[in-house]
C-alpha cells in the first residue's frame, strides 16, 4: 500500500515529536530506535523510510525540542513589558514544574553532556540552537551594547542550565527548591549588574 506524501510527512513529524520527548527523558542512548518506532505506532523496519541514520533522528528531534523552547521564550517576551522580559524568561525556566518534567523541558540540560560524545555534525547542530537561545536572550537585555549583551546572555544561560541540572540531581525537595531560587537570584543579579555598568558614563580620554 502506497501512502501519500502528506501521510509520510505527518508520520515523520510524529516520530520526531515522540523522539524529542523520549530522548529528553531517557538520554540520547537510553532509548532505542525500535522503542521509538513502536511508540509512534510503526515497525522498526520502517525507520529508514524516514531517516538516513539514528544520528539524523537525534539531530531532528533535538532541533524540534529546541525550537519549542525558542518559540516559548519569544512568545513570553512578546507578552511581557520590555523591562521585565529577561526576568520572565529566567523565572519560567527555573521552576519546580520544569525541573520535574524533563521530557517536555530544555533539551540542553537533558542531553548536553551526551551530545559532547556525539558526531561533529550533531554537535554543530546542537551548538547552532544554543546560539539562537543566546541571541534571543541578548535581545531582552536593553540599553547594553550588543556584544556585551550577548556575553551577558551567555553567562546567564549557562547559570540557568547549571542550576536546573543541580536541582534535578537534588531531587524535588527543599534543597532542590533552594537551588532553583539561588539560580534565579544569580541570573537576575548578573543582568542587573550588566545594565548598571552600561549606564555608567565613560571617562573622557585626554
Protein backbone atom coordinates (compact mmCIF):
# COMPACT_ATOMS: atom_id res chain seq x y z
CA UNK A 1 0.00 0.00 0.00
CA UNK A 2 1.39 3.37 -1.01
CA UNK A 3 0.85 6.35 1.24
CA UNK A 4 0.52 9.96 0.15
CA UNK A 5 3.35 12.43 0.65
CA UNK A 6 1.21 14.21 3.26
CA UNK A 7 0.78 10.98 5.21
CA UNK A 8 4.51 10.34 5.17
CA UNK A 9 5.22 13.88 6.36
CA UNK A 10 2.69 13.51 9.19
CA UNK A 11 4.24 10.19 10.22
CA UNK A 12 7.74 11.67 10.09
CA UNK A 13 6.64 14.59 12.29
CA UNK A 14 5.03 12.20 14.78
CA UNK A 15 8.23 10.19 15.09
CA UNK A 16 10.23 13.38 15.70
CA UNK A 17 7.80 14.61 18.36
CA UNK A 18 7.83 11.30 20.20
CA UNK A 19 11.61 11.07 19.97
CA UNK A 20 12.02 14.62 21.26
CA UNK A 21 10.20 13.66 24.47
CA UNK A 22 11.80 10.27 24.99
CA UNK A 23 15.34 11.46 24.31
CA UNK A 24 14.95 14.19 26.93
CA UNK A 25 13.51 11.70 29.41
CA UNK A 26 15.97 8.85 28.91
CA UNK A 27 19.00 10.39 27.21
CA UNK A 28 20.41 10.04 23.73
CA UNK A 29 21.41 6.42 24.37
CA UNK A 30 18.68 5.46 26.78
CA UNK A 31 16.08 4.66 24.16
CA UNK A 32 16.39 2.55 21.03
CA UNK A 33 15.06 3.05 17.53
CA UNK A 34 12.71 0.06 17.92
CA UNK A 35 11.15 1.62 21.03
CA UNK A 36 10.71 4.98 19.35
CA UNK A 37 9.08 3.45 16.30
CA UNK A 38 6.79 1.29 18.43
CA UNK A 39 5.64 4.33 20.38
CA UNK A 40 4.90 6.11 17.11
CA UNK A 41 2.80 3.12 16.06
CA UNK A 42 5.26 1.87 13.44
CA UNK A 43 7.57 -1.07 12.89
CA UNK A 44 11.32 -0.94 13.31
CA UNK A 45 11.73 -1.74 9.63
CA UNK A 46 10.03 1.49 8.61
CA UNK A 47 12.66 3.67 10.27
CA UNK A 48 14.89 4.07 7.22
CA UNK A 49 11.98 5.21 5.11
CA UNK A 50 12.10 8.39 7.20
CA UNK A 51 15.70 8.80 8.40
CA UNK A 52 19.12 8.00 6.98
CA UNK A 53 20.51 7.11 10.39
CA UNK A 54 19.87 7.25 14.11
CA UNK A 55 22.00 10.41 14.24
CA UNK A 56 19.65 12.04 11.76
CA UNK A 57 16.70 11.37 14.05
CA UNK A 58 18.57 12.62 17.12
CA UNK A 59 19.52 15.86 15.35
CA UNK A 60 15.99 16.47 14.12
CA UNK A 61 14.37 15.60 17.44
CA UNK A 62 16.79 17.86 19.31
CA UNK A 63 16.14 20.68 16.85
CA UNK A 64 12.40 20.26 17.33
CA UNK A 65 12.74 20.42 21.12
CA UNK A 66 14.98 23.49 20.94
CA UNK A 67 12.65 25.24 18.52
CA UNK A 68 9.82 24.78 21.00
CA UNK A 69 11.95 26.43 23.72
CA UNK A 70 12.86 29.32 21.42
CA UNK A 71 9.21 29.76 20.44
CA UNK A 72 8.15 29.70 24.10
CA UNK A 73 10.72 32.33 25.09
CA UNK A 74 9.84 34.55 22.13
CA UNK A 75 6.13 34.39 22.91
CA UNK A 76 6.80 35.07 26.59
CA UNK A 77 8.88 38.13 25.66
CA UNK A 78 6.18 39.46 23.35
CA UNK A 79 3.60 39.22 26.13
CA UNK A 80 5.79 40.92 28.77
CA UNK A 81 6.86 44.58 29.18
CA UNK A 82 10.41 45.11 27.85
CA UNK A 83 11.99 45.78 31.24
CA UNK A 84 10.59 42.52 32.67
CA UNK A 85 11.23 40.13 29.77
CA UNK A 86 14.53 38.74 30.96
CA UNK A 87 13.15 38.13 34.44
CA UNK A 88 10.12 36.38 32.94
CA UNK A 89 12.35 34.01 30.97
CA UNK A 90 14.55 33.22 33.97
CA UNK A 91 11.60 32.69 36.30
CA UNK A 92 9.76 30.46 33.83
CA UNK A 93 12.87 28.32 33.35
CA UNK A 94 13.97 27.78 36.95
CA UNK A 95 10.75 26.32 38.31
CA UNK A 96 9.82 23.06 40.06
CA UNK A 97 7.49 22.23 37.13
CA UNK A 98 10.34 22.45 34.63
CA UNK A 99 12.67 20.53 36.93
CA UNK A 100 10.17 17.69 37.31
CA UNK A 101 9.27 17.33 33.61
CA UNK A 102 12.48 16.83 31.60
CA UNK A 103 10.59 15.18 28.75
CA UNK A 104 8.96 18.48 27.84
CA UNK A 105 11.70 20.80 29.05
CA UNK A 106 15.06 22.16 27.97
CA UNK A 107 16.88 19.72 25.70
CA UNK A 108 20.29 21.16 26.58
CA UNK A 109 20.10 20.24 30.26
CA UNK A 110 18.79 16.78 29.38
CA UNK A 111 21.15 15.93 26.52
CA UNK A 112 24.06 18.37 26.63
CA UNK A 113 26.57 16.10 28.35
CA UNK A 114 25.81 13.28 25.92
CA UNK A 115 26.00 15.43 22.80
CA UNK A 116 29.65 16.14 23.60
CA UNK A 117 30.32 12.49 22.68
CA UNK A 118 28.21 12.55 19.52
CA UNK A 119 29.36 13.14 15.94
CA UNK A 120 30.71 16.57 14.85
CA UNK A 121 27.54 17.05 12.78
CA UNK A 122 25.35 16.51 15.83
CA UNK A 123 27.45 18.87 17.96
CA UNK A 124 27.31 21.58 15.30
CA UNK A 125 23.53 21.32 15.10
CA UNK A 126 23.34 21.45 18.89
CA UNK A 127 25.64 24.48 19.11
CA UNK A 128 23.65 26.37 16.47
CA UNK A 129 20.47 26.04 18.53
CA UNK A 130 22.28 27.13 21.70
CA UNK A 131 23.46 30.22 19.87
CA UNK A 132 19.89 31.02 18.85
CA UNK A 133 18.83 30.89 22.51
CA UNK A 134 21.72 33.19 23.48
CA UNK A 135 20.77 35.70 20.78
CA UNK A 136 17.14 35.65 21.86
CA UNK A 137 18.14 36.22 25.47
CA UNK A 138 20.52 39.03 24.46
CA UNK A 139 17.57 40.73 22.77
CA UNK A 140 15.96 41.02 26.20
CA UNK A 141 18.88 42.95 27.74
CA UNK A 142 18.15 46.59 26.81
CA UNK A 143 20.49 49.57 26.98
CA UNK A 144 23.58 47.36 26.67
CA UNK A 145 25.87 47.18 23.60
CA UNK A 146 25.14 44.07 21.56
CA UNK A 147 28.49 42.40 22.19
CA UNK A 148 28.18 42.95 25.92
CA UNK A 149 24.54 41.82 25.93
CA UNK A 150 25.46 38.62 24.14
CA UNK A 151 28.27 37.93 26.60
CA UNK A 152 25.94 38.58 29.50
CA UNK A 153 23.24 36.36 27.97
CA UNK A 154 25.75 33.54 27.61
CA UNK A 155 26.65 33.74 31.30
CA UNK A 156 23.04 33.91 32.39
CA UNK A 157 22.03 30.98 30.23
CA UNK A 158 24.94 28.87 31.48
CA UNK A 159 23.98 29.67 35.07
CA UNK A 160 20.32 28.84 34.48
CA UNK A 161 21.15 25.50 32.92
CA UNK A 162 23.65 24.60 35.61
CA UNK A 163 21.11 25.44 38.28
CA UNK A 164 18.48 23.25 36.65
CA UNK A 165 20.86 20.32 36.39
CA UNK A 166 21.83 20.65 40.07
CA UNK A 167 18.18 20.96 41.09
CA UNK A 168 17.36 17.73 39.24
CA UNK A 169 20.27 15.95 40.91
CA UNK A 170 18.95 17.08 44.30
CA UNK A 171 15.51 15.65 43.58
CA UNK A 172 12.32 17.54 44.36
CA UNK A 173 12.65 18.53 48.00
CA UNK A 174 13.60 21.65 49.90
CA UNK A 175 17.28 21.56 48.89
CA UNK A 176 16.32 21.35 45.23
CA UNK A 177 13.97 24.32 45.62
CA UNK A 178 16.79 26.29 47.26
CA UNK A 179 19.00 25.64 44.24
CA UNK A 180 16.30 26.92 41.89
CA UNK A 181 15.85 30.05 43.99
CA UNK A 182 19.59 30.70 44.14
CA UNK A 183 19.82 30.22 40.38
CA UNK A 184 17.05 32.74 39.74
CA UNK A 185 18.65 35.32 42.01
CA UNK A 186 22.09 34.83 40.46
CA UNK A 187 20.82 35.08 36.90
CA UNK A 188 18.83 38.25 37.52
CA UNK A 189 21.68 39.73 39.57
CA UNK A 190 24.07 39.31 36.62
CA UNK A 191 21.63 41.08 34.34
CA UNK A 192 21.19 43.98 36.77
CA UNK A 193 24.96 44.44 37.06
CA UNK A 194 25.33 44.50 33.27
CA UNK A 195 22.67 47.18 32.93
CA UNK A 196 24.23 49.26 35.68
CA UNK A 197 27.66 49.03 34.07
CA UNK A 198 26.28 50.04 30.69
CA UNK A 199 24.70 53.18 32.14
CA UNK A 200 27.87 54.44 33.80
CA UNK A 201 29.30 57.44 31.98
CA UNK A 202 32.51 56.63 30.18
CA UNK A 203 35.62 58.52 31.20
CA UNK A 204 36.72 61.04 28.58
CA UNK A 205 40.09 60.43 27.07
CA UNK A 206 42.55 63.32 27.00
